[in-house]
Amino acid sequence: MRRVNTENTKGRHKEARRNLCGLCEKLCVLCVNSFSSTARASLLAVFLILTGCGANSTVLRSGKETPTESNAAGAVSSFATDLESMRTAKFSVILVLRRRDGGPIDGEDRGVIRLQTTDVNRRVASDDDRAFLIGSNFQLLPANMKALYDRFVVEDYSPPAVANTNASANVNK
């Protein structure tokens, strides 16, 4: 039978015990004093496997805080961002609706907008609820446009219509 250097073993156990929490330390002391070296190794292996699945609190606390966004170029208004997203979506009709008194768009206004623009692709409240952007791939019906013009100030940001260059080329043939 092989004899183990007990001084060296005790030193390693002390070091291991220092790194464990109070409950773990008591379990290690019990293992060292009560069981044979094979039993200690087996119990220690089982214990480490069972406790190794939990998260390490020091690692969890050591993470960097999420940096705050800083816009060095200046803050872009939500209206400009929303309008640019409408243009990026390549809608053929882009309308901006604002209340005539310049106030925020309330629930009743939203109901009218929803009713008159049921078939549009996108509706977005913007500019602190003082503007409503509408993006569509087709023209709204004239009756719906009249209802919107009667209630709101309507700004048209639609891209210019593309002229058909092939139409004049076919006329000369």
Protein backbone atom coordinates (compact mmCIF):
# COMPACT_ATOMS: atom_id res chain seq x y z
CA MET A 1 0.00 0.00 0.00
CA ARG A 2 1.28 3.43 -0.96
CA ARG A 3 1.77 5.97 1.77
CA VAL A 4 0.68 9.52 1.04
CA ASN A 5 2.59 12.50 2.34
CA THR A 6 0.07 13.80 4.87
CA GLU A 7 1.73 17.20 5.28
CA ASN A 8 1.39 17.93 1.57
CA THR A 9 -2.19 16.59 1.50
CA LYS A 10 -3.25 18.67 4.50
CA GLY A 11 -1.79 21.76 2.88
CA ARG A 12 -3.78 21.16 -0.30
CA HIS A 13 -6.97 20.56 1.68
CA LYS A 14 -6.43 23.78 3.65
CA GLU A 15 -6.03 25.69 0.40
CA ALA A 16 -9.17 24.10 -1.06
CA ARG A 17 -11.13 24.79 2.11
CA ARG A 18 -10.15 28.45 2.04
CA ASN A 19 -11.73 28.81 -1.39
CA LEU A 20 -15.08 27.25 -0.46
CA CYS A 21 -18.06 28.71 1.38
CA GLY A 22 -18.86 27.88 5.02
CA LEU A 23 -21.07 24.86 4.31
CA CYS A 24 -18.57 23.47 1.84
CA GLU A 25 -15.76 23.95 4.36
CA LYS A 26 -17.62 21.93 7.02
CA LEU A 27 -18.23 19.15 4.51
CA CYS A 28 -14.54 19.08 3.58
CA VAL A 29 -13.49 18.86 7.25
CA LEU A 30 -15.91 15.98 7.75
CA CYS A 31 -14.51 14.20 4.69
CA VAL A 32 -10.87 14.68 5.70
CA ASN A 33 -11.39 13.46 9.25
CA SER A 34 -13.90 10.62 8.73
CA PHE A 35 -13.26 8.82 5.45
CA SER A 36 -10.43 6.98 3.71
CA SER A 37 -8.60 8.69 0.86
CA THR A 38 -10.59 6.80 -1.81
CA ALA A 39 -13.90 7.65 -0.16
CA ARG A 40 -12.81 11.27 0.26
CA ALA A 41 -11.89 11.52 -3.40
CA SER A 42 -15.21 9.98 -4.45
CA LEU A 43 -17.25 12.24 -2.17
CA LEU A 44 -15.30 15.30 -3.24
CA ALA A 45 -15.82 14.44 -6.91
CA VAL A 46 -19.58 13.96 -6.42
CA PHE A 47 -19.81 17.18 -4.42
CA LEU A 48 -17.90 19.19 -7.02
CA ILE A 49 -20.03 17.81 -9.84
CA LEU A 50 -23.26 18.66 -8.02
CA THR A 51 -22.22 22.17 -7.00
CA GLY A 52 -20.37 22.97 -10.22
CA CYS A 53 -23.61 23.51 -12.12
CA GLY A 54 -24.53 26.75 -10.32
CA ALA A 55 -23.53 30.23 -11.42
CA ASN A 56 -20.49 31.82 -9.86
CA SER A 57 -21.70 34.97 -8.11
CA THR A 58 -18.35 36.76 -8.44
CA VAL A 59 -18.36 36.23 -12.17
CA LEU A 60 -21.94 37.45 -12.40
CA ARG A 61 -21.17 40.59 -10.39
CA SER A 62 -17.97 41.38 -12.26
CA GLY A 63 -19.67 42.22 -15.55
CA LYS A 64 -19.34 45.70 -16.95
CA GLU A 65 -22.36 47.93 -16.82
CA THR A 66 -24.15 48.53 -20.09
CA PRO A 67 -22.73 51.69 -21.62
CA THR A 68 -25.17 54.51 -22.22
CA GLU A 69 -25.58 55.61 -25.80
CA SER A 70 -23.97 58.91 -26.61
CA ASN A 71 -24.72 60.53 -29.90
CA ALA A 72 -21.73 62.72 -30.72
CA ALA A 73 -23.32 63.99 -33.94
CA GLY A 74 -26.33 65.33 -32.07
CA ALA A 75 -29.68 63.77 -31.39
CA VAL A 76 -31.74 62.98 -34.47
CA SER A 77 -35.42 63.67 -33.90
CA SER A 78 -37.82 60.77 -33.82
CA PHE A 79 -39.75 62.39 -36.68
CA ALA A 80 -36.67 62.44 -38.94
CA THR A 81 -35.86 58.83 -38.05
CA ASP A 82 -39.43 57.67 -38.67
CA LEU A 83 -39.63 59.54 -41.96
CA GLU A 84 -36.34 58.02 -43.10
CA SER A 85 -37.62 54.53 -42.22
CA MET A 86 -40.71 55.19 -44.37
CA ARG A 87 -38.47 56.23 -47.26
CA THR A 88 -36.23 53.19 -46.73
CA ALA A 89 -39.31 50.95 -46.94
CA LYS A 90 -39.87 52.48 -50.41
CA PHE A 91 -43.52 53.36 -49.88
CA SER A 92 -45.05 55.11 -52.89
CA VAL A 93 -47.24 57.28 -50.61
CA ILE A 94 -45.89 58.88 -47.43
CA LEU A 95 -48.20 61.26 -45.58
CA VAL A 96 -47.69 63.13 -42.32
CA LEU A 97 -50.80 64.10 -40.36
CA ARG A 98 -50.78 66.80 -37.68
CA ARG A 99 -53.60 68.35 -35.70
CA ARG A 100 -54.65 71.78 -36.85
CA ASP A 101 -54.09 73.26 -33.37
CA GLY A 102 -50.58 71.71 -33.16
CA GLY A 103 -51.49 69.62 -30.10
CA PRO A 104 -50.76 65.95 -29.56
CA ILE A 105 -52.86 63.40 -31.42
CA ASP A 106 -55.36 61.93 -28.95
CA GLY A 107 -57.43 58.74 -28.93
CA GLU A 108 -60.26 60.21 -30.98
CA ASP A 109 -57.80 61.40 -33.65
CA ARG A 110 -56.22 57.95 -33.73
CA GLY A 111 -59.65 56.42 -34.27
CA VAL A 112 -60.25 58.66 -37.28
CA ILE A 113 -56.81 57.89 -38.69
CA ARG A 114 -57.33 54.15 -38.21
CA LEU A 115 -60.78 54.31 -39.84
CA GLN A 116 -59.64 56.33 -42.88
CA THR A 117 -56.40 54.42 -43.44
CA THR A 118 -57.45 50.80 -42.95
CA ASP A 119 -55.55 49.47 -45.98
CA VAL A 120 -52.21 51.26 -45.55
CA ASN A 121 -49.01 49.35 -44.86
CA ARG A 122 -47.71 51.32 -41.87
CA ARG A 123 -48.95 53.93 -39.37
CA VAL A 124 -46.47 55.42 -36.89
CA ALA A 125 -46.98 58.02 -34.17
CA SER A 126 -43.99 60.36 -34.04
CA ASP A 127 -42.71 63.70 -32.77
CA ASP A 128 -44.04 63.16 -29.21
CA ASP A 129 -47.48 62.16 -30.60
CA ARG A 130 -47.76 65.44 -32.52
CA ALA A 131 -47.42 63.76 -35.93
CA PHE A 132 -48.67 60.55 -37.49
CA LEU A 133 -46.78 59.07 -40.43
CA ILE A 134 -48.60 56.89 -42.93
CA GLY A 135 -46.81 54.70 -45.45
CA SER A 136 -48.60 52.92 -48.26
CA ASN A 137 -47.87 51.29 -51.59
CA PHE A 138 -51.05 52.69 -53.19
CA GLN A 139 -53.13 55.88 -53.18
CA LEU A 140 -55.86 56.30 -50.58
CA LEU A 141 -59.46 56.62 -51.80
CA PRO A 142 -60.55 60.23 -52.46
CA ALA A 143 -63.27 60.06 -49.76
CA ASN A 144 -60.70 58.94 -47.18
CA MET A 145 -58.25 61.67 -48.24
CA LYS A 146 -61.03 64.30 -47.93
CA ALA A 147 -61.81 63.15 -44.37
CA LEU A 148 -58.12 63.39 -43.46
CA TYR A 149 -57.74 66.85 -45.06
CA ASP A 150 -60.84 68.08 -43.21
CA ARG A 151 -59.51 67.10 -39.81
CA PHE A 152 -55.69 67.32 -40.08
CA VAL A 153 -52.91 69.28 -41.69
CA VAL A 154 -51.60 66.80 -44.27
CA GLU A 155 -48.01 66.96 -45.52
CA ASP A 156 -47.11 64.81 -48.52
CA TYR A 157 -43.59 63.34 -48.41
CA SER A 158 -44.21 60.84 -51.21
CA PRO A 159 -41.32 60.26 -53.58
CA PRO A 160 -41.75 61.81 -57.04
CA ALA A 161 -43.48 59.66 -59.63
CA VAL A 162 -41.08 57.95 -62.01
CA ALA A 163 -41.71 58.86 -65.66
CA ASN A 164 -42.02 55.99 -68.11
CA THR A 165 -39.16 56.52 -70.57
CA ASN A 166 -40.18 53.59 -72.78
CA ALA A 167 -43.57 55.14 -73.68
CA SER A 168 -42.14 57.85 -75.99
CA ALA A 169 -39.71 55.42 -77.59
CA ASN A 170 -42.57 53.18 -78.74
CA VAL A 171 -44.58 56.07 -80.26
CA ASN A 172 -42.06 56.70 -83.06
CA LYS A 173 -42.14 53.10 -84.34
